[in-house]
C-alpha atoms as a PDB file:
ATOM      1  CA  UNK A   1      98.924  95.336  80.678  1.00  0.00           C
ATOM      2  CA  UNK A   2     101.176  95.380  83.733  1.00  0.00           C
ATOM      3  CA  UNK A   3     101.120  92.447  86.110  1.00  0.00           C
ATOM      4  CA  UNK A   4      99.623  93.385  89.449  1.00  0.00           C
ATOM      5  CA  UNK A   5     101.515  91.983  92.396  1.00  0.00           C
ATOM      6  CA  UNK A   6      99.651  91.342  95.608  1.00  0.00           C
ATOM      7  CA  UNK A   7     101.397  93.359  98.292  1.00  0.00           C
ATOM      8  CA  UNK A   8     100.879  92.546 101.910  1.00  0.00           C
ATOM      9  CA  UNK A   9     101.693  94.352 105.113  1.00  0.00           C
ATOM     10  CA  UNK A  10     102.989  92.568 108.189  1.00  0.00           C
ATOM     11  CA  UNK A  11     102.997  94.089 111.650  1.00  0.00           C
ATOM     12  CA  UNK A  12     103.565  93.345 115.292  1.00  0.00           C
ATOM     13  CA  UNK A  13     100.932  94.484 117.762  1.00  0.00           C
ATOM     14  CA  UNK A  14     102.103  94.967 121.347  1.00  0.00           C
ATOM     15  CA  UNK A  15      99.239  94.671 123.796  1.00  0.00           C
ATOM     16  CA  UNK A  16      98.772  95.622 127.419  1.00  0.00           C
ATOM     17  CA  UNK A  17      95.898  93.897 129.197  1.00  0.00           C
ATOM     18  CA  UNK A  18      94.023  94.115 132.442  1.00  0.00           C
ATOM     19  CA  UNK A  19      95.644  92.059 135.214  1.00  0.00           C
ATOM     20  CA  UNK A  20      95.031  88.361 134.680  1.00  0.00           C
ATOM     21  CA  UNK A  21      93.600  88.745 131.152  1.00  0.00           C
ATOM     22  CA  UNK A  22      96.678  88.040 128.977  1.00  0.00           C
ATOM     23  CA  UNK A  23      95.877  84.376 128.295  1.00  0.00           C
ATOM     24  CA  UNK A  24      92.244  85.010 127.366  1.00  0.00           C
ATOM     25  CA  UNK A  25      93.192  87.992 125.178  1.00  0.00           C
ATOM     26  CA  UNK A  26      95.828  85.946 123.320  1.00  0.00           C
ATOM     27  CA  UNK A  27      93.341  83.101 122.866  1.00  0.00           C
ATOM     28  CA  UNK A  28      90.699  85.441 121.446  1.00  0.00           C
ATOM     29  CA  UNK A  29      93.158  87.147 119.121  1.00  0.00           C
ATOM     30  CA  UNK A  30      94.277  83.825 117.633  1.00  0.00           C
ATOM     31  CA  UNK A  31      90.747  83.419 116.240  1.00  0.00           C
ATOM     32  CA  UNK A  32      90.925  86.648 114.181  1.00  0.00           C
ATOM     33  CA  UNK A  33      91.616  86.195 110.442  1.00  0.00           C
ATOM     34  CA  UNK A  34      94.980  87.709 109.525  1.00  0.00           C
ATOM     35  CA  UNK A  35      96.604  86.825 112.847  1.00  0.00           C
ATOM     36  CA  UNK A  36      99.724  84.732 112.303  1.00  0.00           C
ATOM     37  CA  UNK A  37     100.658  84.304 115.980  1.00  0.00           C
ATOM     38  CA  UNK A  38      99.694  85.628 119.403  1.00  0.00           C
ATOM     39  CA  UNK A  39     101.904  84.932 122.401  1.00  0.00           C
ATOM     40  CA  UNK A  40     101.732  85.775 126.093  1.00  0.00           C
ATOM     41  CA  UNK A  41     104.972  87.487 127.142  1.00  0.00           C
ATOM     42  CA  UNK A  42     106.483  89.127 130.212  1.00  0.00           C
ATOM     43  CA  UNK A  43     107.699  92.703 130.446  1.00  0.00           C
ATOM     44  CA  UNK A  44     105.946  95.984 129.695  1.00  0.00           C
ATOM     45  CA  UNK A  45     103.534  94.231 127.312  1.00  0.00           C
ATOM     46  CA  UNK A  46     101.388  91.184 128.003  1.00  0.00           C
ATOM     47  CA  UNK A  47     100.704  89.848 124.493  1.00  0.00           C
ATOM     48  CA  UNK A  48     102.673  90.154 121.248  1.00  0.00           C
ATOM     49  CA  UNK A  49     100.782  89.509 118.016  1.00  0.00           C
ATOM     50  CA  UNK A  50     102.023  89.075 114.444  1.00  0.00           C
ATOM     51  CA  UNK A  51      99.455  89.971 111.769  1.00  0.00           C
ATOM     52  CA  UNK A  52      99.318  90.196 108.003  1.00  0.00           C
ATOM     53  CA  UNK A  53      96.953  92.322 105.924  1.00  0.00           C
ATOM     54  CA  UNK A  54      96.615  93.253 102.257  1.00  0.00           C
ATOM     55  CA  UNK A  55      97.147  96.986 102.876  1.00  0.00           C
ATOM     56  CA  UNK A  56      97.797  99.574 105.572  1.00  0.00           C
ATOM     57  CA  UNK A  57      94.084 100.444 105.514  1.00  0.00           C
ATOM     58  CA  UNK A  58      93.151  96.810 106.097  1.00  0.00           C
ATOM     59  CA  UNK A  59      95.744  96.623 108.881  1.00  0.00           C
ATOM     60  CA  UNK A  60      94.170  99.651 110.544  1.00  0.00           C
ATOM     61  CA  UNK A  61      90.694  98.125 110.305  1.00  0.00           C
ATOM     62  CA  UNK A  62      91.992  94.840 111.731  1.00  0.00           C
ATOM     63  CA  UNK A  63      93.487  96.591 114.745  1.00  0.00           C
ATOM     64  CA  UNK A  64      90.642  99.015 115.440  1.00  0.00           C
ATOM     65  CA  UNK A  65      87.587  96.910 114.641  1.00  0.00           C
ATOM     66  CA  UNK A  66      88.785  93.464 115.664  1.00  0.00           C
ATOM     67  CA  UNK A  67      91.753  93.487 118.061  1.00  0.00           C
ATOM     68  CA  UNK A  68      90.902  96.542 120.159  1.00  0.00           C
ATOM     69  CA  UNK A  69      87.314  95.339 120.618  1.00  0.00           C
ATOM     70  CA  UNK A  70      88.377  92.318 122.676  1.00  0.00           C
ATOM     71  CA  UNK A  71      87.571  92.469 126.373  1.00  0.00           C
ATOM     72  CA  UNK A  72      90.569  92.986 128.647  1.00  0.00           C
ATOM     73  CA  UNK A  73      92.786  95.069 126.351  1.00  0.00           C
ATOM     74  CA  UNK A  74      93.895  98.402 127.790  1.00  0.00           C
ATOM     75  CA  UNK A  75      96.429  99.563 125.163  1.00  0.00           C
ATOM     76  CA  UNK A  76      97.819  98.541 121.777  1.00  0.00           C
ATOM     77  CA  UNK A  77     100.916  99.650 119.898  1.00  0.00           C
ATOM     78  CA  UNK A  78     101.106  98.620 116.239  1.00  0.00           C
ATOM     79  CA  UNK A  79     104.485  98.366 114.528  1.00  0.00           C
ATOM     80  CA  UNK A  80     104.382  97.695 110.749  1.00  0.00           C
ATOM     81  CA  UNK A  81     107.326  95.706 109.443  1.00  0.00           C
ATOM     82  CA  UNK A  82     109.547  97.548 106.935  1.00  0.00           C
ATOM     83  CA  UNK A  83     111.995  95.969 104.540  1.00  0.00           C
ATOM     84  CA  UNK A  84     114.912  98.354 104.059  1.00  0.00           C
END
């Protein structure tokens, strides 16, 4: 029998928020399982999040059903990490 290796997917999520909501969005995101870090930043995005999931499907569910449901988020861009 072959050994099964647990593969995980890491990603960065770039988030735009309503004006004045970056801190509360980052705080709420930090409570979500799978979130490694969530930081307020300046520039075209307001919050940058690092997440880890067991699969691309789980990553998608994390973004759609958990992150995007938080009040104050206007747009997300998810960038899976690749190891070339």
